[in-house]
Structures are given as structure tokens and as C-alpha cells.
Amino acid sequence: DAIVSKNLNGVIRSWNKGAEKLWGYAAEEVIGKSIMIVIPPDPADEETLVLESVRRGEKIDHFETVRRRKDGTLVEISLTVSPLLDKAGIVIGASKIARDITERKRAEQALAEGERQQRALYQLADQLHRAQSLDDVYTAALDAILSALRCDRAAISLFDDDGVMRFAGWRGLSDGYRKAV
């Protein structure tokens, strides 16, 4: 795990080997610099909210967010932030533990994609079972194609008796495109 401490102004005070591995910066490159070095511009206001919580003495558990490595690539992390207290119990900074969750997120996305595709296939099978005409079959197939492939245009073309390929069904294609094809 990457373990980093910072003061209440977001200045990095410590940076362990896990942080070096996760973000690609050596400790001597970042200690004394703003934690913003690893925060992409998009969720930059997150750091303000984190510091406000820390100032109130609150702990943040397993907050999922994105951070930027030295090479510019983004990494999805789970972040736990705890306030650092001095001997008098006054909050003087924050300790952050970050864990790379990129692979877990990819696996979750792959599972969700597989589920979405299976749902499209189930709907296709159901629509085919209920089809009463060839047009119903084309409609079911086009619905499945659009859903499974996440596209906004699809077509089914078949050869007619004269060997000419013609559109049997389509979605999202203009009249001009169909005539040209």
C-alpha cells in the first residue's frame, strides 16, 4: 500500500516505498511538495473536501477515486484518510493509505459487460420466440446488435432472388446512405 502523510495545507511530509511504486515518484521528488502532484485536474476539489474532513478530525474509509502517476497515466485507487494529531490532540495533518484497484475495476467492468451482452442475447431469444413475421425477426436482431455492441447504427442486408444485396432492416441509417450503398 502507498502510505503518505501531509500537513493541513496538503504538503507531503512522508512517502513510503509503496507510494513510490504506485505513483512513480521517489520520496525525495515529492516530500515538501503539494499532494496535488498526483491529483488530476478533474477531481481536484476532492482534496479540499478531504482536508476539510480531516480538519474536523474525521476519518475517510475506502474512498474510491482516480490519481495521476508520474508518467501521466491514471490509476484507480481506494483511499483511506485519517487525521494526524499532535500530543495535545490537535489535528496537524493527514495520513493517507492508497491501494491500486485498477484490476478490480477492470474485472467489474468486464463482468458488467458480460451481463449486458447476456441480457441482449436473452432478449433476442425471447423476441425470436415471439416473432410472427420475418420483420419481427429483423427487428429482434437489430435490437440485439445495437444493445450488444453499444452502437447507434446497424443493418441487415440480404441477397434477393436476382443476386442483388438489399437492406432487409436497419436502424440509424439515412436514406442517402442506404441509396448509396
C-alpha atoms as a PDB file:
ATOM      1  CA  ASP A   1       0.000   0.000   0.000  1.00  0.00           C
ATOM      2  CA  ALA A   2       1.054   3.554  -0.612  1.00  0.00           C
ATOM      3  CA  ILE A   3       1.247   5.429   2.702  1.00  0.00           C
ATOM      4  CA  VAL A   4       1.599   9.192   2.591  1.00  0.00           C
ATOM      5  CA  SER A   5       1.326  11.867   5.227  1.00  0.00           C
ATOM      6  CA  LYS A   6       0.712  15.539   4.588  1.00  0.00           C
ATOM      7  CA  ASN A   7       0.101  18.671   6.564  1.00  0.00           C
ATOM      8  CA  LEU A   8      -3.186  20.573   6.576  1.00  0.00           C
ATOM      9  CA  ASN A   9      -2.050  22.595   3.549  1.00  0.00           C
ATOM     10  CA  GLY A  10      -1.633  19.415   1.514  1.00  0.00           C
ATOM     11  CA  VAL A  11       2.165  19.452   1.621  1.00  0.00           C
ATOM     12  CA  ILE A  12       3.640  15.950   1.541  1.00  0.00           C
ATOM     13  CA  ARG A  13       5.604  15.066   4.713  1.00  0.00           C
ATOM     14  CA  SER A  14       6.274  11.345   4.165  1.00  0.00           C
ATOM     15  CA  TRP A  15       6.154   8.960   1.210  1.00  0.00           C
ATOM     16  CA  ASN A  16       6.786   5.223   1.569  1.00  0.00           C
ATOM     17  CA  LYS A  17       8.123   2.669  -0.936  1.00  0.00           C
ATOM     18  CA  GLY A  18       4.544   1.666  -1.776  1.00  0.00           C
ATOM     19  CA  ALA A  19       3.832   5.257  -2.817  1.00  0.00           C
ATOM     20  CA  GLU A  20       6.989   5.257  -4.929  1.00  0.00           C
ATOM     21  CA  LYS A  21       5.802   2.099  -6.669  1.00  0.00           C
ATOM     22  CA  LEU A  22       2.197   3.255  -7.102  1.00  0.00           C
ATOM     23  CA  TRP A  23       2.860   6.772  -8.366  1.00  0.00           C
ATOM     24  CA  GLY A  24       6.385   6.504  -9.769  1.00  0.00           C
ATOM     25  CA  TYR A  25       7.857   9.368  -7.757  1.00  0.00           C
ATOM     26  CA  ALA A  26      10.801   8.855  -5.418  1.00  0.00           C
ATOM     27  CA  ALA A  27      10.219  10.244  -1.919  1.00  0.00           C
ATOM     28  CA  GLU A  28      12.837  12.963  -2.417  1.00  0.00           C
ATOM     29  CA  GLU A  29      10.955  14.180  -5.522  1.00  0.00           C
ATOM     30  CA  VAL A  30       7.709  14.865  -3.673  1.00  0.00           C
ATOM     31  CA  ILE A  31       8.374  15.491   0.013  1.00  0.00           C
ATOM     32  CA  GLY A  32       7.785  19.188   0.582  1.00  0.00           C
ATOM     33  CA  LYS A  33       5.538  19.471  -2.489  1.00  0.00           C
ATOM     34  CA  SER A  34       1.766  19.621  -2.732  1.00  0.00           C
ATOM     35  CA  ILE A  35      -0.194  16.383  -2.856  1.00  0.00           C
ATOM     36  CA  MET A  36      -1.839  17.911  -5.942  1.00  0.00           C
ATOM     37  CA  ILE A  37       1.085  16.434  -7.895  1.00  0.00           C
ATOM     38  CA  VAL A  38      -0.841  13.126  -8.001  1.00  0.00           C
ATOM     39  CA  ILE A  39      -4.350  14.545  -8.308  1.00  0.00           C
ATOM     40  CA  PRO A  40      -5.685  15.051 -11.839  1.00  0.00           C
ATOM     41  CA  PRO A  41      -7.453  18.354 -12.600  1.00  0.00           C
ATOM     42  CA  ASP A  42     -10.917  16.801 -12.800  1.00  0.00           C
ATOM     43  CA  PRO A  43     -11.437  15.710  -9.172  1.00  0.00           C
ATOM     44  CA  ALA A  44      -9.135  18.457  -7.772  1.00  0.00           C
ATOM     45  CA  ASP A  45     -11.896  19.712  -5.449  1.00  0.00           C
ATOM     46  CA  GLU A  46     -11.854  16.288  -3.755  1.00  0.00           C
ATOM     47  CA  GLU A  47      -8.673  17.248  -1.953  1.00  0.00           C
ATOM     48  CA  THR A  48     -10.337  20.340  -0.495  1.00  0.00           C
ATOM     49  CA  LEU A  49     -13.190  18.180   0.810  1.00  0.00           C
ATOM     50  CA  VAL A  50     -10.753  15.606   2.206  1.00  0.00           C
ATOM     51  CA  LEU A  51      -8.780  18.288   4.050  1.00  0.00           C
ATOM     52  CA  GLU A  52     -11.981  19.794   5.458  1.00  0.00           C
ATOM     53  CA  SER A  53     -12.988  16.377   6.830  1.00  0.00           C
ATOM     54  CA  VAL A  54      -9.520  15.837   8.306  1.00  0.00           C
ATOM     55  CA  ARG A  55      -9.574  19.265   9.970  1.00  0.00           C
ATOM     56  CA  ARG A  56     -12.790  18.173  11.706  1.00  0.00           C
ATOM     57  CA  GLY A  57     -10.994  15.025  12.894  1.00  0.00           C
ATOM     58  CA  GLU A  58     -12.980  12.726  10.619  1.00  0.00           C
ATOM     59  CA  LYS A  59     -11.632   9.568   9.027  1.00  0.00           C
ATOM     60  CA  ILE A  60     -12.480   8.652   5.427  1.00  0.00           C
ATOM     61  CA  ASP A  61     -12.677   4.918   4.729  1.00  0.00           C
ATOM     62  CA  HIS A  62     -12.207   3.303   1.324  1.00  0.00           C
ATOM     63  CA  PHE A  63     -12.990   6.314  -0.824  1.00  0.00           C
ATOM     64  CA  GLU A  64     -12.634   5.305  -4.488  1.00  0.00           C
ATOM     65  CA  THR A  65     -11.080   7.878  -6.765  1.00  0.00           C
ATOM     66  CA  VAL A  66      -8.533   8.400  -9.532  1.00  0.00           C
ATOM     67  CA  ARG A  67      -4.977   9.690  -9.214  1.00  0.00           C
ATOM     68  CA  ARG A  68      -2.218  10.514 -11.711  1.00  0.00           C
ATOM     69  CA  ARG A  69       1.142   8.757 -11.867  1.00  0.00           C
ATOM     70  CA  LYS A  70       4.414  10.473 -12.691  1.00  0.00           C
ATOM     71  CA  ASP A  71       4.157   9.260 -16.304  1.00  0.00           C
ATOM     72  CA  GLY A  72       0.702  10.867 -16.593  1.00  0.00           C
ATOM     73  CA  THR A  73      -1.322   7.646 -16.580  1.00  0.00           C
ATOM     74  CA  LEU A  74      -4.337   7.499 -14.341  1.00  0.00           C
ATOM     75  CA  VAL A  75      -4.764   4.885 -11.640  1.00  0.00           C
ATOM     76  CA  GLU A  76      -7.951   3.975  -9.789  1.00  0.00           C
ATOM     77  CA  ILE A  77      -7.395   3.776  -6.056  1.00  0.00           C
ATOM     78  CA  SER A  78      -9.173   3.107  -2.809  1.00  0.00           C
ATOM     79  CA  LEU A  79      -8.155   5.770  -0.344  1.00  0.00           C
ATOM     80  CA  THR A  80      -8.347   5.768   3.437  1.00  0.00           C
ATOM     81  CA  VAL A  81      -7.539   9.063   5.138  1.00  0.00           C
ATOM     82  CA  SER A  82      -7.005   9.523   8.869  1.00  0.00           C
ATOM     83  CA  PRO A  83      -6.254  12.713  10.790  1.00  0.00           C
ATOM     84  CA  LEU A  84      -2.794  13.055  12.351  1.00  0.00           C
ATOM     85  CA  LEU A  85      -2.846  14.521  15.838  1.00  0.00           C
ATOM     86  CA  ASP A  86      -0.135  16.201  17.883  1.00  0.00           C
ATOM     87  CA  LYS A  87       0.445  15.366  21.575  1.00  0.00           C
ATOM     88  CA  ALA A  88      -2.294  17.792  22.570  1.00  0.00           C
ATOM     89  CA  GLY A  89      -4.849  16.065  20.295  1.00  0.00           C
ATOM     90  CA  ILE A  90      -4.883  18.876  17.729  1.00  0.00           C
ATOM     91  CA  VAL A  91      -5.189  17.828  14.069  1.00  0.00           C
ATOM     92  CA  ILE A  92      -1.933  18.700  12.306  1.00  0.00           C
ATOM     93  CA  GLY A  93      -2.194  16.682   9.118  1.00  0.00           C
ATOM     94  CA  ALA A  94      -3.445  13.551   7.454  1.00  0.00           C
ATOM     95  CA  SER A  95      -2.233  10.042   6.806  1.00  0.00           C
ATOM     96  CA  LYS A  96      -3.364   8.502   3.541  1.00  0.00           C
ATOM     97  CA  ILE A  97      -3.310   4.853   2.593  1.00  0.00           C
ATOM     98  CA  ALA A  98      -3.901   4.228  -1.099  1.00  0.00           C
ATOM     99  CA  ARG A  99      -4.425   0.897  -2.797  1.00  0.00           C
ATOM    100  CA  ASP A 100      -4.443   0.367  -6.557  1.00  0.00           C
ATOM    101  CA  ILE A 101      -7.869  -1.024  -7.521  1.00  0.00           C
ATOM    102  CA  THR A 102      -7.461  -0.744 -11.289  1.00  0.00           C
ATOM    103  CA  GLU A 103      -7.557  -4.513 -11.878  1.00  0.00           C
ATOM    104  CA  ARG A 104     -10.603  -4.927  -9.661  1.00  0.00           C
ATOM    105  CA  LYS A 105     -12.378  -2.147 -11.568  1.00  0.00           C
ATOM    106  CA  ARG A 106     -11.499  -3.780 -14.911  1.00  0.00           C
ATOM    107  CA  ALA A 107     -12.852  -7.098 -13.672  1.00  0.00           C
ATOM    108  CA  GLU A 108     -16.070  -5.403 -12.502  1.00  0.00           C
ATOM    109  CA  GLN A 109     -16.453  -3.701 -15.893  1.00  0.00           C
ATOM    110  CA  ALA A 110     -15.846  -6.994 -17.717  1.00  0.00           C
ATOM    111  CA  LEU A 111     -18.487  -8.710 -15.588  1.00  0.00           C
ATOM    112  CA  ALA A 112     -20.956  -5.882 -16.202  1.00  0.00           C
ATOM    113  CA  GLU A 113     -20.240  -6.017 -19.944  1.00  0.00           C
ATOM    114  CA  GLY A 114     -20.786  -9.789 -19.997  1.00  0.00           C
ATOM    115  CA  GLU A 115     -24.033  -9.373 -18.087  1.00  0.00           C
ATOM    116  CA  ARG A 116     -25.209  -6.687 -20.517  1.00  0.00           C
ATOM    117  CA  GLN A 117     -24.408  -8.894 -23.508  1.00  0.00           C
ATOM    118  CA  GLN A 118     -26.162 -11.892 -21.947  1.00  0.00           C
ATOM    119  CA  ARG A 119     -29.207  -9.716 -21.304  1.00  0.00           C
ATOM    120  CA  ALA A 120     -29.182  -8.704 -25.005  1.00  0.00           C
ATOM    121  CA  LEU A 121     -28.992 -12.370 -26.042  1.00  0.00           C
ATOM    122  CA  TYR A 122     -31.825 -13.296 -23.699  1.00  0.00           C
ATOM    123  CA  GLN A 123     -33.955 -10.503 -25.143  1.00  0.00           C
ATOM    124  CA  LEU A 124     -33.099 -11.674 -28.661  1.00  0.00           C
ATOM    125  CA  ALA A 125     -34.129 -15.244 -27.851  1.00  0.00           C
ATOM    126  CA  ASP A 126     -37.344 -14.006 -26.245  1.00  0.00           C
ATOM    127  CA  GLN A 127     -38.193 -11.764 -29.204  1.00  0.00           C
ATOM    128  CA  LEU A 128     -37.401 -14.545 -31.688  1.00  0.00           C
ATOM    129  CA  HIS A 129     -39.662 -16.909 -29.757  1.00  0.00           C
ATOM    130  CA  ARG A 130     -42.492 -14.385 -30.054  1.00  0.00           C
ATOM    131  CA  ALA A 131     -41.771 -13.385 -33.680  1.00  0.00           C
ATOM    132  CA  GLN A 132     -44.699 -13.795 -36.050  1.00  0.00           C
ATOM    133  CA  SER A 133     -43.057 -12.497 -39.200  1.00  0.00           C
ATOM    134  CA  LEU A 134     -39.687 -12.058 -40.843  1.00  0.00           C
ATOM    135  CA  ASP A 135     -39.862  -8.343 -39.996  1.00  0.00           C
ATOM    136  CA  ASP A 136     -40.195  -9.311 -36.318  1.00  0.00           C
ATOM    137  CA  VAL A 137     -37.012 -11.409 -36.670  1.00  0.00           C
ATOM    138  CA  TYR A 138     -35.135  -8.476 -38.263  1.00  0.00           C
ATOM    139  CA  THR A 139     -36.362  -6.137 -35.538  1.00  0.00           C
ATOM    140  CA  ALA A 140     -35.211  -8.572 -32.840  1.00  0.00           C
ATOM    141  CA  ALA A 141     -31.808  -8.999 -34.500  1.00  0.00           C
ATOM    142  CA  LEU A 142     -31.292  -5.241 -34.869  1.00  0.00           C
ATOM    143  CA  ASP A 143     -32.292  -4.663 -31.239  1.00  0.00           C
ATOM    144  CA  ALA A 144     -29.741  -7.284 -30.160  1.00  0.00           C
ATOM    145  CA  ILE A 145     -26.970  -5.850 -32.351  1.00  0.00           C
ATOM    146  CA  LEU A 146     -27.492  -2.314 -31.085  1.00  0.00           C
ATOM    147  CA  SER A 147     -27.649  -3.446 -27.473  1.00  0.00           C
ATOM    148  CA  ALA A 148     -24.771  -5.940 -27.525  1.00  0.00           C
ATOM    149  CA  LEU A 149     -22.379  -3.745 -29.493  1.00  0.00           C
ATOM    150  CA  ARG A 150     -23.428  -0.413 -27.992  1.00  0.00           C
ATOM    151  CA  CYS A 151     -23.748   1.170 -31.400  1.00  0.00           C
ATOM    152  CA  ASP A 152     -26.343   3.517 -32.821  1.00  0.00           C
ATOM    153  CA  ARG A 153     -26.433   2.197 -36.408  1.00  0.00           C
ATOM    154  CA  ALA A 154     -26.962  -1.304 -37.723  1.00  0.00           C
ATOM    155  CA  ALA A 155     -28.300  -3.015 -40.807  1.00  0.00           C
ATOM    156  CA  ILE A 156     -29.243  -6.405 -42.124  1.00  0.00           C
ATOM    157  CA  SER A 157     -28.619  -6.864 -45.843  1.00  0.00           C
ATOM    158  CA  LEU A 158     -29.691  -9.893 -47.821  1.00  0.00           C
ATOM    159  CA  PHE A 159     -29.329 -11.016 -51.428  1.00  0.00           C
ATOM    160  CA  ASP A 160     -32.601 -11.017 -53.313  1.00  0.00           C
ATOM    161  CA  ASP A 161     -33.578 -13.551 -55.986  1.00  0.00           C
ATOM    162  CA  ASP A 162     -31.608 -11.585 -58.608  1.00  0.00           C
ATOM    163  CA  GLY A 163     -28.411 -11.675 -56.523  1.00  0.00           C
ATOM    164  CA  VAL A 164     -28.655  -8.003 -55.518  1.00  0.00           C
ATOM    165  CA  MET A 165     -27.931  -7.179 -51.904  1.00  0.00           C
ATOM    166  CA  ARG A 166     -30.685  -5.095 -50.332  1.00  0.00           C
ATOM    167  CA  PHE A 167     -31.359  -3.756 -46.863  1.00  0.00           C
ATOM    168  CA  ALA A 168     -33.814  -6.019 -45.064  1.00  0.00           C
ATOM    169  CA  GLY A 169     -33.769  -3.907 -41.905  1.00  0.00           C
ATOM    170  CA  TRP A 170     -31.821  -1.008 -40.472  1.00  0.00           C
ATOM    171  CA  ARG A 171     -31.547   1.489 -37.663  1.00  0.00           C
ATOM    172  CA  GLY A 172     -29.854   4.863 -37.681  1.00  0.00           C
ATOM    173  CA  LEU A 173     -29.007   4.856 -41.401  1.00  0.00           C
ATOM    174  CA  SER A 174     -30.035   7.803 -43.557  1.00  0.00           C
ATOM    175  CA  ASP A 175     -31.976   7.395 -46.785  1.00  0.00           C
ATOM    176  CA  GLY A 176     -28.985   8.845 -48.640  1.00  0.00           C
ATOM    177  CA  TYR A 177     -26.628   6.274 -47.159  1.00  0.00           C
ATOM    178  CA  ARG A 178     -28.920   3.373 -47.944  1.00  0.00           C
ATOM    179  CA  LYS A 179     -29.360   4.570 -51.544  1.00  0.00           C
ATOM    180  CA  ALA A 180     -25.612   4.978 -51.972  1.00  0.00           C
ATOM    181  CA  VAL A 181     -24.914   1.501 -50.662  1.00  0.00           C
END
